[in-house]
Amino acid sequence: MLTGDVGAGLLEMSPAAVRNAAKGVDMAATGMYRDAKGYKVLDTNTLEAALKGIGFQPNSVATIQEANGINQGAKAFYNLRA
């Protein structure tokens, strides 16, 4: 909300069920999973969008997000050591 995007700020403060439903609708409309900044992470299908909409993280998305988390952790570790 501080950046001026009130809709994103309200969505971030909403309950998880509402955020999941919004993410599922977005995935169904665009055919892709996007990160918090709006960048494409991977292509998705209708089933994955429906699963996300009811609160499940599709396996394809979970695998990518886990790898991203490991990479971010390694980067933070190397920056700390430097």
PDB file of N, CA and C in Angstrom:
ATOM      1  N   MET A   1       0.816  -1.183   0.000  1.00  0.00           N
ATOM      2  CA  MET A   1       0.000   0.000   0.000  1.00  0.00           C
ATOM      3  C   MET A   1       0.866   1.255   0.000  1.00  0.00           C
ATOM      4  N   LEU A   2       2.067   1.167   0.571  1.00  0.00           N
ATOM      5  CA  LEU A   2       2.945   2.331   0.631  1.00  0.00           C
ATOM      6  C   LEU A   2       3.423   2.761  -0.744  1.00  0.00           C
ATOM      7  N   THR A   3       3.459   1.834  -1.695  1.00  0.00           N
ATOM      8  CA  THR A   3       3.914   2.176  -3.043  1.00  0.00           C
ATOM      9  C   THR A   3       2.797   2.759  -3.892  1.00  0.00           C
ATOM     10  N   GLY A   4       1.583   2.803  -3.361  1.00  0.00           N
ATOM     11  CA  GLY A   4       0.476   3.392  -4.103  1.00  0.00           C
ATOM     12  C   GLY A   4      -0.460   2.374  -4.714  1.00  0.00           C
ATOM     13  N   ASP A   5      -0.121   1.089  -4.659  1.00  0.00           N
ATOM     14  CA  ASP A   5      -0.981   0.046  -5.210  1.00  0.00           C
ATOM     15  C   ASP A   5      -1.898  -0.449  -4.102  1.00  0.00           C
ATOM     16  N   VAL A   6      -3.023   0.224  -3.929  1.00  0.00           N
ATOM     17  CA  VAL A   6      -3.934  -0.074  -2.835  1.00  0.00           C
ATOM     18  C   VAL A   6      -4.532  -1.463  -2.983  1.00  0.00           C
ATOM     19  N   GLY A   7      -4.862  -1.869  -4.209  1.00  0.00           N
ATOM     20  CA  GLY A   7      -5.456  -3.190  -4.434  1.00  0.00           C
ATOM     21  C   GLY A   7      -4.529  -4.306  -3.981  1.00  0.00           C
ATOM     22  N   ALA A   8      -3.266  -4.220  -4.312  1.00  0.00           N
ATOM     23  CA  ALA A   8      -2.294  -5.240  -3.903  1.00  0.00           C
ATOM     24  C   ALA A   8      -2.103  -5.216  -2.395  1.00  0.00           C
ATOM     25  N   GLY A   9      -2.121  -4.046  -1.803  1.00  0.00           N
ATOM     26  CA  GLY A   9      -1.974  -3.929  -0.357  1.00  0.00           C
ATOM     27  C   GLY A   9      -3.139  -4.554   0.381  1.00  0.00           C
ATOM     28  N   LEU A  10      -4.347  -4.300  -0.106  1.00  0.00           N
ATOM     29  CA  LEU A  10      -5.523  -4.901   0.523  1.00  0.00           C
ATOM     30  C   LEU A  10      -5.528  -6.413   0.353  1.00  0.00           C
ATOM     31  N   LEU A  11      -5.118  -6.880  -0.820  1.00  0.00           N
ATOM     32  CA  LEU A  11      -5.063  -8.316  -1.063  1.00  0.00           C
ATOM     33  C   LEU A  11      -4.040  -8.971  -0.148  1.00  0.00           C
ATOM     34  N   GLU A  12      -2.920  -8.309   0.080  1.00  0.00           N
ATOM     35  CA  GLU A  12      -1.880  -8.858   0.951  1.00  0.00           C
ATOM     36  C   GLU A  12      -2.356  -8.954   2.396  1.00  0.00           C
ATOM     37  N   MET A  13      -3.232  -8.068   2.818  1.00  0.00           N
ATOM     38  CA  MET A  13      -3.737  -8.076   4.187  1.00  0.00           C
ATOM     39  C   MET A  13      -4.968  -8.971   4.347  1.00  0.00           C
ATOM     40  N   SER A  14      -5.498  -9.486   3.257  1.00  0.00           N
ATOM     41  CA  SER A  14      -6.699 -10.313   3.319  1.00  0.00           C
ATOM     42  C   SER A  14      -6.367 -11.732   3.795  1.00  0.00           C
ATOM     43  N   PRO A  15      -7.378 -12.515   4.181  1.00  0.00           N
ATOM     44  CA  PRO A  15      -7.137 -13.888   4.617  1.00  0.00           C
ATOM     45  C   PRO A  15      -6.529 -14.739   3.502  1.00  0.00           C
ATOM     46  N   ALA A  16      -5.854 -15.808   3.898  1.00  0.00           N
ATOM     47  CA  ALA A  16      -5.163 -16.673   2.933  1.00  0.00           C
ATOM     48  C   ALA A  16      -6.123 -17.249   1.899  1.00  0.00           C
ATOM     49  N   ALA A  17      -7.333 -17.580   2.286  1.00  0.00           N
ATOM     50  CA  ALA A  17      -8.298 -18.150   1.342  1.00  0.00           C
ATOM     51  C   ALA A  17      -8.608 -17.167   0.218  1.00  0.00           C
ATOM     52  N   VAL A  18      -8.719 -15.893   0.550  1.00  0.00           N
ATOM     53  CA  VAL A  18      -8.996 -14.871  -0.461  1.00  0.00           C
ATOM     54  C   VAL A  18      -7.788 -14.707  -1.381  1.00  0.00           C
ATOM     55  N   ARG A  19      -6.583 -14.699  -0.809  1.00  0.00           N
ATOM     56  CA  ARG A  19      -5.367 -14.583  -1.630  1.00  0.00           C
ATOM     57  C   ARG A  19      -5.222 -15.784  -2.556  1.00  0.00           C
ATOM     58  N   ASN A  20      -5.514 -16.988  -2.055  1.00  0.00           N
ATOM     59  CA  ASN A  20      -5.423 -18.181  -2.891  1.00  0.00           C
ATOM     60  C   ASN A  20      -6.425 -18.132  -4.034  1.00  0.00           C
ATOM     61  N   ALA A  21      -7.645 -17.716  -3.737  1.00  0.00           N
ATOM     62  CA  ALA A  21      -8.663 -17.612  -4.781  1.00  0.00           C
ATOM     63  C   ALA A  21      -8.249 -16.595  -5.836  1.00  0.00           C
ATOM     64  N   ALA A  22      -7.718 -15.451  -5.411  1.00  0.00           N
ATOM     65  CA  ALA A  22      -7.279 -14.419  -6.360  1.00  0.00           C
ATOM     66  C   ALA A  22      -6.121 -14.928  -7.209  1.00  0.00           C
ATOM     67  N   LYS A  23      -5.183 -15.654  -6.583  1.00  0.00           N
ATOM     68  CA  LYS A  23      -4.046 -16.199  -7.325  1.00  0.00           C
ATOM     69  C   LYS A  23      -4.514 -17.253  -8.327  1.00  0.00           C
ATOM     70  N   GLY A  24      -5.494 -18.080  -7.926  1.00  0.00           N
ATOM     71  CA  GLY A  24      -6.043 -19.081  -8.840  1.00  0.00           C
ATOM     72  C   GLY A  24      -6.728 -18.450 -10.036  1.00  0.00           C
ATOM     73  N   VAL A  25      -7.486 -17.390  -9.799  1.00  0.00           N
ATOM     74  CA  VAL A  25      -8.148 -16.675 -10.899  1.00  0.00           C
ATOM     75  C   VAL A  25      -7.105 -16.061 -11.830  1.00  0.00           C
ATOM     76  N   ASP A  26      -6.058 -15.470 -11.252  1.00  0.00           N
ATOM     77  CA  ASP A  26      -4.988 -14.883 -12.054  1.00  0.00           C
ATOM     78  C   ASP A  26      -4.279 -15.952 -12.889  1.00  0.00           C
ATOM     79  N   MET A  27      -4.018 -17.103 -12.276  1.00  0.00           N
ATOM     80  CA  MET A  27      -3.358 -18.192 -13.001  1.00  0.00           C
ATOM     81  C   MET A  27      -4.228 -18.686 -14.147  1.00  0.00           C
ATOM     82  N   ALA A  28      -5.533 -18.805 -13.913  1.00  0.00           N
ATOM     83  CA  ALA A  28      -6.441 -19.268 -14.961  1.00  0.00           C
ATOM     84  C   ALA A  28      -6.530 -18.256 -16.100  1.00  0.00           C
ATOM     85  N   ALA A  29      -6.534 -16.968 -15.757  1.00  0.00           N
ATOM     86  CA  ALA A  29      -6.677 -15.922 -16.774  1.00  0.00           C
ATOM     87  C   ALA A  29      -5.409 -15.755 -17.615  1.00  0.00           C
ATOM     88  N   THR A  30      -4.245 -15.870 -16.980  1.00  0.00           N
ATOM     89  CA  THR A  30      -2.987 -15.619 -17.699  1.00  0.00           C
ATOM     90  C   THR A  30      -2.293 -16.882 -18.176  1.00  0.00           C
ATOM     91  N   GLY A  31      -2.615 -18.032 -17.565  1.00  0.00           N
ATOM     92  CA  GLY A  31      -1.954 -19.276 -17.945  1.00  0.00           C
ATOM     93  C   GLY A  31      -0.546 -19.394 -17.390  1.00  0.00           C
ATOM     94  N   MET A  32      -0.248 -18.604 -16.368  1.00  0.00           N
ATOM     95  CA  MET A  32       1.087 -18.666 -15.773  1.00  0.00           C
ATOM     96  C   MET A  32       1.012 -18.340 -14.295  1.00  0.00           C
ATOM     97  N   TYR A  33       2.007 -18.844 -13.555  1.00  0.00           N
ATOM     98  CA  TYR A  33       2.167 -18.509 -12.145  1.00  0.00           C
ATOM     99  C   TYR A  33       3.133 -17.352 -12.076  1.00  0.00           C
ATOM    100  N   ARG A  34       2.751 -16.290 -11.369  1.00  0.00           N
ATOM    101  CA  ARG A  34       3.611 -15.124 -11.250  1.00  0.00           C
ATOM    102  C   ARG A  34       4.025 -14.932  -9.804  1.00  0.00           C
ATOM    103  N   ASP A  35       5.221 -14.406  -9.595  1.00  0.00           N
ATOM    104  CA  ASP A  35       5.693 -14.153  -8.236  1.00  0.00           C
ATOM    105  C   ASP A  35       5.082 -12.858  -7.706  1.00  0.00           C
ATOM    106  N   ALA A  36       5.510 -12.461  -6.526  1.00  0.00           N
ATOM    107  CA  ALA A  36       4.932 -11.283  -5.878  1.00  0.00           C
ATOM    108  C   ALA A  36       5.169 -10.000  -6.663  1.00  0.00           C
ATOM    109  N   LYS A  37       6.234  -9.958  -7.443  1.00  0.00           N
ATOM    110  CA  LYS A  37       6.524  -8.769  -8.254  1.00  0.00           C
ATOM    111  C   LYS A  37       5.829  -8.799  -9.607  1.00  0.00           C
ATOM    112  N   GLY A  38       5.142  -9.890  -9.914  1.00  0.00           N
ATOM    113  CA  GLY A  38       4.423  -9.993 -11.177  1.00  0.00           C
ATOM    114  C   GLY A  38       5.206 -10.639 -12.290  1.00  0.00           C
ATOM    115  N   TYR A  39       6.384 -11.154 -11.998  1.00  0.00           N
ATOM    116  CA  TYR A  39       7.193 -11.815 -13.017  1.00  0.00           C
ATOM    117  C   TYR A  39       6.742 -13.255 -13.207  1.00  0.00           C
ATOM    118  N   LYS A  40       6.782 -13.720 -14.440  1.00  0.00           N
ATOM    119  CA  LYS A  40       6.382 -15.086 -14.759  1.00  0.00           C
ATOM    120  C   LYS A  40       7.364 -16.071 -14.135  1.00  0.00           C
ATOM    121  N   VAL A  41       6.817 -17.074 -13.433  1.00  0.00           N
ATOM    122  CA  VAL A  41       7.641 -18.129 -12.858  1.00  0.00           C
ATOM    123  C   VAL A  41       7.581 -19.349 -13.764  1.00  0.00           C
ATOM    124  N   LEU A  42       6.380 -19.782 -14.149  1.00  0.00           N
ATOM    125  CA  LEU A  42       6.224 -20.889 -15.081  1.00  0.00           C
ATOM    126  C   LEU A  42       4.812 -20.906 -15.634  1.00  0.00           C
ATOM    127  N   ASP A  43       4.644 -21.620 -16.742  1.00  0.00           N
ATOM    128  CA  ASP A  43       3.326 -21.784 -17.341  1.00  0.00           C
ATOM    129  C   ASP A  43       2.518 -22.769 -16.511  1.00  0.00           C
ATOM    130  N   THR A  44       1.223 -22.536 -16.418  1.00  0.00           N
ATOM    131  CA  THR A  44       0.335 -23.419 -15.661  1.00  0.00           C
ATOM    132  C   THR A  44      -0.876 -23.768 -16.511  1.00  0.00           C
ATOM    133  N   ASN A  45      -1.589 -24.796 -16.076  1.00  0.00           N
ATOM    134  CA  ASN A  45      -2.808 -25.176 -16.775  1.00  0.00           C
ATOM    135  C   ASN A  45      -4.019 -24.900 -15.876  1.00  0.00           C
ATOM    136  N   THR A  46      -5.193 -25.223 -16.376  1.00  0.00           N
ATOM    137  CA  THR A  46      -6.427 -24.931 -15.658  1.00  0.00           C
ATOM    138  C   THR A  46      -6.529 -25.724 -14.357  1.00  0.00           C
ATOM    139  N   LEU A  47      -6.083 -26.977 -14.366  1.00  0.00           N
ATOM    140  CA  LEU A  47      -6.137 -27.798 -13.159  1.00  0.00           C
ATOM    141  C   LEU A  47      -5.268 -27.194 -12.055  1.00  0.00           C
ATOM    142  N   GLU A  48      -4.062 -26.763 -12.396  1.00  0.00           N
ATOM    143  CA  GLU A  48      -3.181 -26.141 -11.407  1.00  0.00           C
ATOM    144  C   GLU A  48      -3.786 -24.851 -10.864  1.00  0.00           C
ATOM    145  N   ALA A  49      -4.434 -24.082 -11.721  1.00  0.00           N
ATOM    146  CA  ALA A  49      -5.090 -22.851 -11.278  1.00  0.00           C
ATOM    147  C   ALA A  49      -6.238 -23.166 -10.321  1.00  0.00           C
ATOM    148  N   ALA A  50      -7.000 -24.208 -10.629  1.00  0.00           N
ATOM    149  CA  ALA A  50      -8.110 -24.592  -9.755  1.00  0.00           C
ATOM    150  C   ALA A  50      -7.591 -25.077  -8.402  1.00  0.00           C
ATOM    151  N   LEU A  51      -6.515 -25.862  -8.411  1.00  0.00           N
ATOM    152  CA  LEU A  51      -5.925 -26.336  -7.159  1.00  0.00           C
ATOM    153  C   LEU A  51      -5.440 -25.170  -6.307  1.00  0.00           C
ATOM    154  N   LYS A  52      -4.783 -24.195  -6.928  1.00  0.00           N
ATOM    155  CA  LYS A  52      -4.311 -23.026  -6.195  1.00  0.00           C
ATOM    156  C   LYS A  52      -5.486 -22.224  -5.640  1.00  0.00           C
ATOM    157  N   GLY A  53      -6.539 -22.137  -6.414  1.00  0.00           N
ATOM    158  CA  GLY A  53      -7.714 -21.384  -5.995  1.00  0.00           C
ATOM    159  C   GLY A  53      -8.376 -21.939  -4.745  1.00  0.00           C
ATOM    160  N   ILE A  54      -8.260 -23.259  -4.527  1.00  0.00           N
ATOM    161  CA  ILE A  54      -8.868 -23.849  -3.329  1.00  0.00           C
ATOM    162  C   ILE A  54      -7.848 -24.078  -2.218  1.00  0.00           C
ATOM    163  N   GLY A  55      -6.607 -23.605  -2.432  1.00  0.00           N
ATOM    164  CA  GLY A  55      -5.641 -23.609  -1.334  1.00  0.00           C
ATOM    165  C   GLY A  55      -4.488 -24.573  -1.435  1.00  0.00           C
ATOM    166  N   PHE A  56      -4.409 -25.362  -2.509  1.00  0.00           N
ATOM    167  CA  PHE A  56      -3.297 -26.291  -2.671  1.00  0.00           C
ATOM    168  C   PHE A  56      -2.223 -25.674  -3.548  1.00  0.00           C
ATOM    169  N   GLN A  57      -0.966 -25.920  -3.213  1.00  0.00           N
ATOM    170  CA  GLN A  57       0.140 -25.446  -4.046  1.00  0.00           C
ATOM    171  C   GLN A  57       0.448 -26.551  -5.056  1.00  0.00           C
ATOM    172  N   PRO A  58       0.285 -26.303  -6.366  1.00  0.00           N
ATOM    173  CA  PRO A  58       0.602 -27.321  -7.357  1.00  0.00           C
ATOM    174  C   PRO A  58       2.064 -27.750  -7.245  1.00  0.00           C
ATOM    175  N   ASN A  59       2.323 -29.031  -7.512  1.00  0.00           N
ATOM    176  CA  ASN A  59       3.666 -29.583  -7.357  1.00  0.00           C
ATOM    177  C   ASN A  59       4.686 -28.875  -8.238  1.00  0.00           C
ATOM    178  N   SER A  60       4.310 -28.523  -9.451  1.00  0.00           N
ATOM    179  CA  SER A  60       5.249 -27.852 -10.354  1.00  0.00           C
ATOM    180  C   SER A  60       5.672 -26.503  -9.777  1.00  0.00           C
ATOM    181  N   VAL A  61       4.737 -25.788  -9.209  1.00  0.00           N
ATOM    182  CA  VAL A  61       5.029 -24.483  -8.607  1.00  0.00           C
ATOM    183  C   VAL A  61       5.875 -24.670  -7.349  1.00  0.00           C
ATOM    184  N   ALA A  62       5.526 -25.658  -6.537  1.00  0.00           N
ATOM    185  CA  ALA A  62       6.263 -25.908  -5.296  1.00  0.00           C
ATOM    186  C   ALA A  62       7.723 -26.241  -5.577  1.00  0.00           C
ATOM    187  N   THR A  63       7.985 -27.027  -6.610  1.00  0.00           N
ATOM    188  CA  THR A  63       9.356 -27.399  -6.961  1.00  0.00           C
ATOM    189  C   THR A  63      10.174 -26.177  -7.346  1.00  0.00           C
ATOM    190  N   ILE A  64       9.600 -25.316  -8.173  1.00  0.00           N
ATOM    191  CA  ILE A  64      10.291 -24.096  -8.609  1.00  0.00           C
ATOM    192  C   ILE A  64      10.524 -23.160  -7.425  1.00  0.00           C
ATOM    193  N   GLN A  65       9.504 -22.981  -6.590  1.00  0.00           N
ATOM    194  CA  GLN A  65       9.626 -22.075  -5.452  1.00  0.00           C
ATOM    195  C   GLN A  65      10.656 -22.588  -4.439  1.00  0.00           C
ATOM    196  N   GLU A  66      10.719 -23.903  -4.249  1.00  0.00           N
ATOM    197  CA  GLU A  66      11.712 -24.469  -3.338  1.00  0.00           C
ATOM    198  C   GLU A  66      13.126 -24.215  -3.858  1.00  0.00           C
ATOM    199  N   ALA A  67      13.331 -24.404  -5.159  1.00  0.00           N
ATOM    200  CA  ALA A  67      14.639 -24.149  -5.754  1.00  0.00           C
ATOM    201  C   ALA A  67      15.006 -22.671  -5.636  1.00  0.00           C
ATOM    202  N   ASN A  68      14.045 -21.784  -5.849  1.00  0.00           N
ATOM    203  CA  ASN A  68      14.305 -20.351  -5.709  1.00  0.00           C
ATOM    204  C   ASN A  68      14.688 -19.999  -4.278  1.00  0.00           C
ATOM    205  N   GLY A  69      14.013 -20.618  -3.309  1.00  0.00           N
ATOM    206  CA  GLY A  69      14.333 -20.373  -1.908  1.00  0.00           C
ATOM    207  C   GLY A  69      15.738 -20.827  -1.554  1.00  0.00           C
ATOM    208  N   ILE A  70      16.152 -21.969  -2.075  1.00  0.00           N
ATOM    209  CA  ILE A  70      17.510 -22.465  -1.828  1.00  0.00           C
ATOM    210  C   ILE A  70      18.534 -21.518  -2.438  1.00  0.00           C
ATOM    211  N   ASN A  71      18.269 -21.061  -3.663  1.00  0.00           N
ATOM    212  CA  ASN A  71      19.191 -20.130  -4.325  1.00  0.00           C
ATOM    213  C   ASN A  71      19.290 -18.808  -3.570  1.00  0.00           C
ATOM    214  N   GLN A  72      18.163 -18.291  -3.090  1.00  0.00           N
ATOM    215  CA  GLN A  72      18.177 -17.041  -2.334  1.00  0.00           C
ATOM    216  C   GLN A  72      18.929 -17.207  -1.022  1.00  0.00           C
ATOM    217  N   GLY A  73      18.769 -18.362  -0.372  1.00  0.00           N
ATOM    218  CA  GLY A  73      19.491 -18.631   0.857  1.00  0.00           C
ATOM    219  C   GLY A  73      20.992 -18.702   0.639  1.00  0.00           C
ATOM    220  N   ALA A  74      21.396 -19.362  -0.453  1.00  0.00           N
ATOM    221  CA  ALA A  74      22.821 -19.453  -0.774  1.00  0.00           C
ATOM    222  C   ALA A  74      23.390 -18.074  -1.087  1.00  0.00           C
ATOM    223  N   LYS A  75      22.631 -17.270  -1.814  1.00  0.00           N
ATOM    224  CA  LYS A  75      23.079 -15.917  -2.154  1.00  0.00           C
ATOM    225  C   LYS A  75      23.242 -15.075  -0.885  1.00  0.00           C
ATOM    226  N   ALA A  76      22.287 -15.177   0.023  1.00  0.00           N
ATOM    227  CA  ALA A  76      22.368 -14.425   1.272  1.00  0.00           C
ATOM    228  C   ALA A  76      23.569 -14.877   2.103  1.00  0.00           C
ATOM    229  N   PHE A  77      23.828 -16.183   2.119  1.00  0.00           N
ATOM    230  CA  PHE A  77      24.972 -16.715   2.856  1.00  0.00           C
ATOM    231  C   PHE A  77      26.280 -16.188   2.283  1.00  0.00           C
ATOM    232  N   TYR A  78      26.423 -16.218   0.972  1.00  0.00           N
ATOM    233  CA  TYR A  78      27.653 -15.741   0.334  1.00  0.00           C
ATOM    234  C   TYR A  78      27.835 -14.236   0.557  1.00  0.00           C
ATOM    235  N   ASN A  79      26.739 -13.483   0.484  1.00  0.00           N
ATOM    236  CA  ASN A  79      26.831 -12.043   0.750  1.00  0.00           C
ATOM    237  C   ASN A  79      27.227 -11.760   2.190  1.00  0.00           C
ATOM    238  N   LEU A  80      26.716 -12.560   3.116  1.00  0.00           N
ATOM    239  CA  LEU A  80      27.073 -12.391   4.523  1.00  0.00           C
ATOM    240  C   LEU A  80      28.554 -12.708   4.756  1.00  0.00           C
ATOM    241  N   ARG A  81      29.020 -13.763   4.117  1.00  0.00           N
ATOM    242  CA  ARG A  81      30.415 -14.155   4.278  1.00  0.00           C
ATOM    243  C   ARG A  81      31.358 -13.152   3.625  1.00  0.00           C
ATOM    244  N   ALA A  82      30.925 -12.523   2.549  1.00  0.00           N
ATOM    245  CA  ALA A  82      31.777 -11.542   1.859  1.00  0.00           C
ATOM    246  C   ALA A  82      31.890 -10.302   2.712  1.00  0.00           C
TER     247      ALA A  82
END
